[in-house]
Amino acid sequence: MSHTLHPLRSQRLQRSELAVPASDPAMIEKAAVSAADFVFLDLEDAVAPPEKAQARRNAIAALNDIDWSARGKTVSVRINGLDTQYMYRDVVDLMEQAGDRIDTLLVPKVGVPADLYAVEAMVNQIEQACALERKVGLEALIETALGMANVEEIARFGGRLEALHFGVADYAASMRARTVNIGGLNPVYPGDQWHASISRMVVACRAYGLRAIDGPFGDFRDPDGYLDAARRAAALGCEGKWAIHPSQIDMANDVFSPPEAEVSKAERIIETLKEAEREGRGAASLDGKMIDAASEKMARNVIDIAKAIAAKETAPSV
């Protein structure tokens, strides 16, 4: 094991992340009572330019009026891009008027680490000026060729950064990739054209202690397609996926929750290895298969997720 280790910076349950246009207060209210682990109020792509200012006001009102944590939600806001005229006002107004109610800011189209530095510098200053006690985290959307080319450097940024998200729609446009729908597969391509990119992002996340989240699947009338995409992302190491429609929330929660049998086996792995250690052995056999220290690490990952889910399910709700 290398002496250079980057432990997970922030543990949050993020199986499902519901995207909600902040221009629609009714949808925000519905999101607050949904089964999603995460909700992000969107000021960017889902909001037309004439509605940007009102959407920002709606988001601030929702942050202040709704007790998101009491509803078992982590709440995030996707700000506008650094290349727009809206971004600075997003950060200033959100932080000054609701900075003590925001869990994370989701920064779109991050291309270089300096993009995160710009947002972090503003957040730092506003927190100090307003004497805010809550430390707002940052999450970055990797959704351009430039962002993917620099994904390792972005993941290494440190600071407030907690997670990277794979934004397949803008990424496909940036790559000029042919696809049938957002997050869907091109039937002509003999495989999954997003595999290499998601895998590269996940490696960067795991190397530097970040959560890895898969982005949207656009056809909410295709549950089988969504499930296939979620399962592929989970197999590659993502711990959650966006839901652009409420019908996708339960599917994401199911795919990214370890089955009871898997949790039970993980617990048996831990106990079997403890017994082997007491007998002076570093490896053991369980159900006819060899298990060792690596098996213990994988088992603890499963158990940690199960504990986080159980904690959410037993928490009091309002």
Protein backbone atom coordinates (compact mmCIF):
# COMPACT_ATOMS: atom_id res chain seq x y z
CA MET A 1 0.00 0.00 0.00
CA SER A 2 1.31 3.43 -0.91
CA HIS A 3 2.11 5.90 1.85
CA THR A 4 0.06 8.43 -0.15
CA LEU A 5 -3.55 7.90 0.83
CA HIS A 6 -6.62 10.06 0.25
CA PRO A 7 -9.50 8.96 2.51
CA LEU A 8 -13.07 9.76 1.58
CA ARG A 9 -13.54 13.48 2.16
CA SER A 10 -17.24 13.43 2.90
CA GLN A 11 -19.57 10.48 3.32
CA ARG A 12 -23.10 11.18 2.09
CA LEU A 13 -25.79 8.78 0.97
CA GLN A 14 -26.27 9.65 -2.70
CA ARG A 15 -27.96 6.69 -4.39
CA SER A 16 -30.54 8.92 -6.10
CA GLU A 17 -30.17 12.58 -7.00
CA LEU A 18 -33.33 14.27 -8.16
CA ALA A 19 -32.84 17.19 -10.57
CA VAL A 20 -35.43 19.93 -10.04
CA PRO A 21 -35.76 23.12 -12.11
CA ALA A 22 -35.72 25.98 -9.60
CA SER A 23 -38.07 27.87 -11.91
CA ASP A 24 -40.93 25.56 -10.78
CA PRO A 25 -41.85 25.93 -7.06
CA ALA A 26 -44.44 23.15 -7.30
CA MET A 27 -41.80 20.67 -8.42
CA ILE A 28 -39.54 21.78 -5.57
CA GLU A 29 -42.30 21.03 -3.06
CA LYS A 30 -42.79 17.57 -4.54
CA ALA A 31 -39.04 16.92 -4.46
CA ALA A 32 -38.93 17.71 -0.75
CA VAL A 33 -41.28 14.81 0.04
CA SER A 34 -39.81 12.37 -2.48
CA ALA A 35 -37.68 9.30 -1.68
CA ALA A 36 -34.54 10.84 -3.20
CA ASP A 37 -31.38 10.93 -1.10
CA PHE A 38 -30.18 14.11 -2.81
CA VAL A 39 -32.09 16.95 -4.43
CA PHE A 40 -30.40 19.57 -6.56
CA LEU A 41 -32.21 22.77 -7.38
CA ASP A 42 -31.16 23.60 -10.92
CA LEU A 43 -30.34 27.15 -11.96
CA GLU A 44 -28.50 26.10 -15.11
CA ASP A 45 -29.66 24.00 -18.08
CA ALA A 46 -33.26 23.45 -16.93
CA VAL A 47 -33.90 27.20 -16.61
CA ALA A 48 -34.39 29.52 -19.60
CA PRO A 49 -32.38 32.79 -19.54
CA PRO A 50 -35.40 35.04 -18.87
CA GLU A 51 -36.23 32.91 -15.81
CA LYS A 52 -32.75 32.82 -14.25
CA ALA A 53 -33.28 35.58 -11.68
CA GLN A 54 -36.66 34.27 -10.52
CA ALA A 55 -35.32 30.71 -10.33
CA ARG A 56 -32.54 31.95 -8.06
CA ARG A 57 -35.10 33.62 -5.80
CA ASN A 58 -37.19 30.44 -5.78
CA ALA A 59 -34.17 28.37 -4.78
CA ILE A 60 -33.31 30.72 -1.92
CA ALA A 61 -36.90 30.64 -0.68
CA ALA A 62 -36.99 26.82 -0.86
CA LEU A 63 -33.71 26.53 1.02
CA ASN A 64 -34.97 28.75 3.81
CA ASP A 65 -38.57 27.56 4.00
CA ILE A 66 -38.11 23.78 3.75
CA ASP A 67 -36.29 21.75 6.40
CA TRP A 68 -34.50 19.46 3.97
CA SER A 69 -32.47 17.56 6.55
CA ALA A 70 -35.60 16.75 8.56
CA ARG A 71 -37.01 15.24 5.37
CA GLY A 72 -33.95 13.03 4.96
CA LYS A 73 -32.53 15.05 2.07
CA THR A 74 -29.16 16.46 1.20
CA VAL A 75 -29.84 19.64 -0.76
CA SER A 76 -27.62 21.03 -3.47
CA VAL A 77 -27.87 23.85 -6.00
CA ARG A 78 -26.47 23.66 -9.51
CA ILE A 79 -25.18 27.13 -10.28
CA ASN A 80 -24.67 28.50 -13.76
CA GLY A 81 -21.37 28.06 -15.56
CA LEU A 82 -18.33 30.26 -15.06
CA ASP A 83 -18.63 31.38 -18.67
CA THR A 84 -22.03 32.99 -18.06
CA GLN A 85 -23.18 36.29 -16.61
CA TYR A 86 -25.29 34.49 -14.00
CA MET A 87 -22.70 32.54 -12.02
CA TYR A 88 -21.34 35.25 -9.72
CA ARG A 89 -24.81 36.38 -8.67
CA ASP A 90 -25.83 32.75 -8.08
CA VAL A 91 -22.98 32.26 -5.62
CA VAL A 92 -23.32 35.65 -3.90
CA ASP A 93 -27.09 35.55 -3.43
CA LEU A 94 -27.25 31.88 -2.46
CA MET A 95 -24.45 32.14 0.07
CA GLU A 96 -25.49 35.47 1.56
CA GLN A 97 -29.19 34.64 1.82
CA ALA A 98 -29.18 30.87 2.41
CA GLY A 99 -25.58 29.80 2.95
CA ASP A 100 -26.41 28.13 6.25
CA ARG A 101 -29.00 25.89 4.53
CA ILE A 102 -26.98 24.59 1.55
CA ASP A 103 -25.14 21.28 1.67
CA THR A 104 -23.29 21.56 -1.65
CA LEU A 105 -22.98 23.68 -4.76
CA LEU A 106 -22.80 21.72 -8.01
CA VAL A 107 -20.45 23.44 -10.46
CA PRO A 108 -21.22 22.65 -14.12
CA LYS A 109 -18.82 22.09 -17.00
CA VAL A 110 -15.68 22.11 -14.90
CA GLY A 111 -12.75 22.02 -17.31
CA VAL A 112 -9.71 22.84 -15.17
CA PRO A 113 -9.02 22.99 -11.40
CA ALA A 114 -9.00 26.79 -11.57
CA ASP A 115 -12.75 26.70 -12.23
CA LEU A 116 -13.26 25.21 -8.77
CA TYR A 117 -10.76 27.66 -7.27
CA ALA A 118 -12.84 30.57 -8.53
CA VAL A 119 -16.01 29.28 -6.89
CA GLU A 120 -14.25 28.24 -3.69
CA ALA A 121 -12.63 31.66 -3.27
CA MET A 122 -16.04 33.32 -3.43
CA VAL A 123 -17.62 30.82 -1.04
CA ASN A 124 -14.74 31.22 1.44
CA GLN A 125 -15.05 34.99 1.51
CA ILE A 126 -18.84 35.02 1.87
CA GLU A 127 -18.76 32.45 4.67
CA GLN A 128 -16.28 34.61 6.55
CA ALA A 129 -18.18 37.85 5.91
CA CYS A 130 -21.49 36.34 7.01
CA ALA A 131 -20.00 34.33 9.89
CA LEU A 132 -21.57 31.15 8.53
CA GLU A 133 -20.87 28.03 10.55
CA ARG A 134 -21.90 25.43 7.97
CA LYS A 135 -19.18 24.63 5.45
CA VAL A 136 -20.73 24.30 2.02
CA GLY A 137 -19.22 21.53 -0.11
CA LEU A 138 -18.52 21.63 -3.83
CA GLU A 139 -19.31 19.02 -6.46
CA ALA A 140 -18.07 19.15 -10.03
CA LEU A 141 -19.75 18.09 -13.24
CA ILE A 142 -17.39 16.44 -15.71
CA GLU A 143 -19.25 17.02 -18.95
CA THR A 144 -16.76 18.30 -21.52
CA ALA A 145 -13.79 16.86 -23.33
CA LEU A 146 -11.60 19.37 -21.49
CA GLY A 147 -12.96 18.27 -18.13
CA MET A 148 -12.35 14.60 -18.89
CA ALA A 149 -8.85 15.35 -20.18
CA ASN A 150 -8.13 17.03 -16.82
CA VAL A 151 -10.25 14.83 -14.56
CA GLU A 152 -7.33 13.62 -12.44
CA GLU A 153 -6.13 17.18 -11.80
CA ILE A 154 -9.69 18.27 -10.99
CA ALA A 155 -10.14 15.38 -8.54
CA ARG A 156 -6.85 16.34 -6.90
CA PHE A 157 -8.06 19.90 -6.28
CA GLY A 158 -8.91 19.28 -2.62
CA GLY A 159 -10.56 22.11 -0.71
CA ARG A 160 -14.31 21.72 -0.51
CA LEU A 161 -14.60 19.26 -3.40
CA GLU A 162 -16.61 16.16 -2.44
CA ALA A 163 -17.81 14.48 -5.62
CA LEU A 164 -17.59 14.29 -9.39
CA HIS A 165 -20.64 13.73 -11.61
CA PHE A 166 -20.62 12.41 -15.17
CA GLY A 167 -22.74 14.75 -17.30
CA VAL A 168 -23.36 12.56 -20.29
CA ALA A 169 -25.49 14.98 -22.36
CA ASP A 170 -23.05 17.88 -22.65
CA TYR A 171 -20.20 15.39 -22.76
CA ALA A 172 -21.72 13.69 -25.81
CA ALA A 173 -22.09 17.09 -27.48
CA SER A 174 -18.54 18.07 -26.59
CA MET A 175 -17.21 14.79 -27.99
CA ARG A 176 -19.51 15.01 -31.05
CA ALA A 177 -20.63 11.51 -30.15
CA ARG A 178 -23.64 10.00 -31.86
CA THR A 179 -26.23 8.79 -29.38
CA VAL A 180 -29.93 8.02 -29.46
CA ASN A 181 -30.85 9.81 -26.24
CA ILE A 182 -29.32 11.33 -23.12
CA GLY A 183 -27.44 8.53 -21.40
CA GLY A 184 -28.64 5.93 -23.87
CA LEU A 185 -26.50 3.72 -26.04
CA ASN A 186 -26.00 3.94 -29.77
CA PRO A 187 -27.22 0.55 -31.09
CA VAL A 188 -24.61 0.65 -33.85
CA TYR A 189 -21.75 0.72 -31.35
CA PRO A 190 -20.80 -2.81 -30.17
CA GLY A 191 -20.76 -2.01 -26.46
CA ASP A 192 -21.12 0.87 -24.03
CA GLN A 193 -19.62 4.06 -25.45
CA TRP A 194 -19.67 5.69 -21.97
CA HIS A 195 -17.76 2.89 -20.22
CA ALA A 196 -14.25 4.28 -20.64
CA SER A 197 -15.20 7.82 -19.60
CA ILE A 198 -17.17 6.81 -16.52
CA SER A 199 -14.43 4.42 -15.50
CA ARG A 200 -11.78 7.12 -15.84
CA MET A 201 -13.81 9.51 -13.69
CA VAL A 202 -14.43 6.83 -11.05
CA VAL A 203 -10.72 6.02 -10.85
CA ALA A 204 -9.96 9.70 -10.28
CA CYS A 205 -12.64 9.88 -7.58
CA ARG A 206 -11.43 6.82 -5.71
CA ALA A 207 -7.80 7.89 -5.95
CA TYR A 208 -8.52 11.24 -4.30
CA GLY A 209 -11.34 10.48 -1.87
CA LEU A 210 -14.36 11.68 -3.83
CA ARG A 211 -17.82 10.26 -4.40
CA ALA A 212 -18.57 9.21 -8.00
CA ILE A 213 -22.07 9.89 -9.34
CA ASP A 214 -23.54 9.00 -12.73
CA GLY A 215 -25.64 11.63 -14.47
CA PRO A 216 -28.97 11.63 -16.29
CA PHE A 217 -30.88 9.16 -18.42
CA GLY A 218 -33.18 11.23 -20.58
CA ASP A 219 -35.98 8.86 -21.59
CA PHE A 220 -38.05 8.56 -18.40
CA ARG A 221 -40.52 6.39 -20.32
CA ASP A 222 -37.84 3.70 -20.65
CA PRO A 223 -37.37 2.20 -17.17
CA ASP A 224 -35.44 -0.77 -18.52
CA GLY A 225 -32.96 1.55 -20.20
CA TYR A 226 -32.55 3.52 -16.99
CA LEU A 227 -31.97 0.36 -14.96
CA ASP A 228 -29.40 -0.90 -17.44
CA ALA A 229 -27.53 2.41 -17.28
CA ALA A 230 -27.64 2.48 -13.48
CA ARG A 231 -26.39 -1.11 -13.21
CA ARG A 232 -23.50 -0.38 -15.57
CA ALA A 233 -22.56 2.68 -13.52
CA ALA A 234 -22.77 0.72 -10.27
CA ALA A 235 -20.61 -2.05 -11.71
CA LEU A 236 -17.94 0.55 -12.54
CA GLY A 237 -17.95 1.96 -9.01
CA CYS A 238 -20.46 4.83 -9.06
CA GLU A 239 -22.47 5.10 -5.85
CA GLY A 240 -25.50 6.87 -7.27
CA LYS A 241 -27.28 8.26 -10.31
CA TRP A 242 -29.40 11.27 -11.22
CA ALA A 243 -33.15 11.06 -11.55
CA ILE A 244 -34.67 13.59 -13.93
CA HIS A 245 -38.17 12.30 -13.18
CA PRO A 246 -39.67 11.04 -9.91
CA SER A 247 -40.27 7.64 -11.51
CA GLN A 248 -36.51 7.09 -11.62
CA ILE A 249 -35.89 7.64 -7.89
CA ASP A 250 -36.92 4.21 -6.63
CA MET A 251 -34.98 2.51 -9.42
CA ALA A 252 -31.80 4.35 -8.45
CA ASN A 253 -32.30 3.62 -4.76
CA ASP A 254 -32.79 -0.07 -5.56
CA VAL A 255 -29.78 -0.45 -7.85
CA PHE A 256 -27.38 1.35 -5.53
CA SER A 257 -28.59 -0.40 -2.35
CA PRO A 258 -26.87 -3.70 -1.52
CA PRO A 259 -29.36 -6.60 -1.34
CA GLU A 260 -29.92 -8.18 2.06
CA ALA A 261 -28.13 -11.35 0.97
CA GLU A 262 -25.08 -9.29 -0.05
CA VAL A 263 -25.01 -7.52 3.33
CA SER A 264 -25.35 -10.84 5.15
CA LYS A 265 -22.47 -12.31 3.17
CA ALA A 266 -20.33 -9.24 3.88
CA GLU A 267 -20.94 -9.70 7.60
CA ARG A 268 -20.00 -13.39 7.32
CA ILE A 269 -16.78 -12.44 5.52
CA ILE A 270 -15.82 -10.13 8.39
CA GLU A 271 -16.55 -12.77 11.03
CA THR A 272 -14.77 -15.53 9.12
CA LEU A 273 -11.64 -13.41 8.71
CA LYS A 274 -11.69 -12.48 12.40
CA GLU A 275 -11.74 -16.17 13.25
CA ALA A 276 -8.88 -16.82 10.81
CA GLU A 277 -6.87 -14.01 12.41
CA ARG A 278 -7.35 -15.52 15.85
CA GLU A 279 -5.93 -18.75 14.43
CA GLY A 280 -2.94 -16.94 12.93
CA ARG A 281 -4.15 -17.10 9.32
CA GLY A 282 -4.40 -14.15 6.91
CA ALA A 283 -6.79 -15.86 4.51
CA ALA A 284 -9.77 -18.16 4.88
CA SER A 285 -12.37 -20.07 2.91
CA LEU A 286 -16.07 -19.14 2.77
CA ASP A 287 -18.63 -20.99 0.68
CA GLY A 288 -15.83 -22.72 -1.17
CA LYS A 289 -14.05 -19.47 -2.11
CA MET A 290 -10.87 -17.90 -0.80
CA ILE A 291 -11.24 -14.63 1.11
CA ASP A 292 -8.49 -12.33 2.40
CA ALA A 293 -7.78 -8.72 3.38
CA ALA A 294 -9.09 -7.42 0.05
CA SER A 295 -12.34 -9.31 0.65
CA GLU A 296 -12.66 -7.56 4.00
CA LYS A 297 -12.31 -4.13 2.38
CA MET A 298 -15.01 -4.94 -0.17
CA ALA A 299 -17.25 -6.31 2.59
CA ARG A 300 -16.84 -3.18 4.70
CA ASN A 301 -17.87 -1.03 1.72
CA VAL A 302 -21.13 -2.96 1.53
CA ILE A 303 -21.73 -2.77 5.27
CA ASP A 304 -21.03 0.97 5.38
CA ILE A 305 -23.62 1.62 2.66
CA ALA A 306 -26.16 -0.60 4.42
CA LYS A 307 -25.63 1.29 7.68
CA ALA A 308 -26.11 4.65 5.96
CA ILE A 309 -29.35 3.45 4.36
CA ALA A 310 -30.59 2.06 7.68
CA ALA A 311 -29.80 5.34 9.42
CA LYS A 312 -31.85 7.26 6.88
CA GLU A 313 -34.77 4.88 7.06
CA THR A 314 -34.94 5.00 10.87
CA ALA A 315 -34.50 8.75 11.16
CA PRO A 316 -37.60 10.69 12.26
CA SER A 317 -39.42 12.43 9.40
CA VAL A 318 -41.69 15.45 9.26
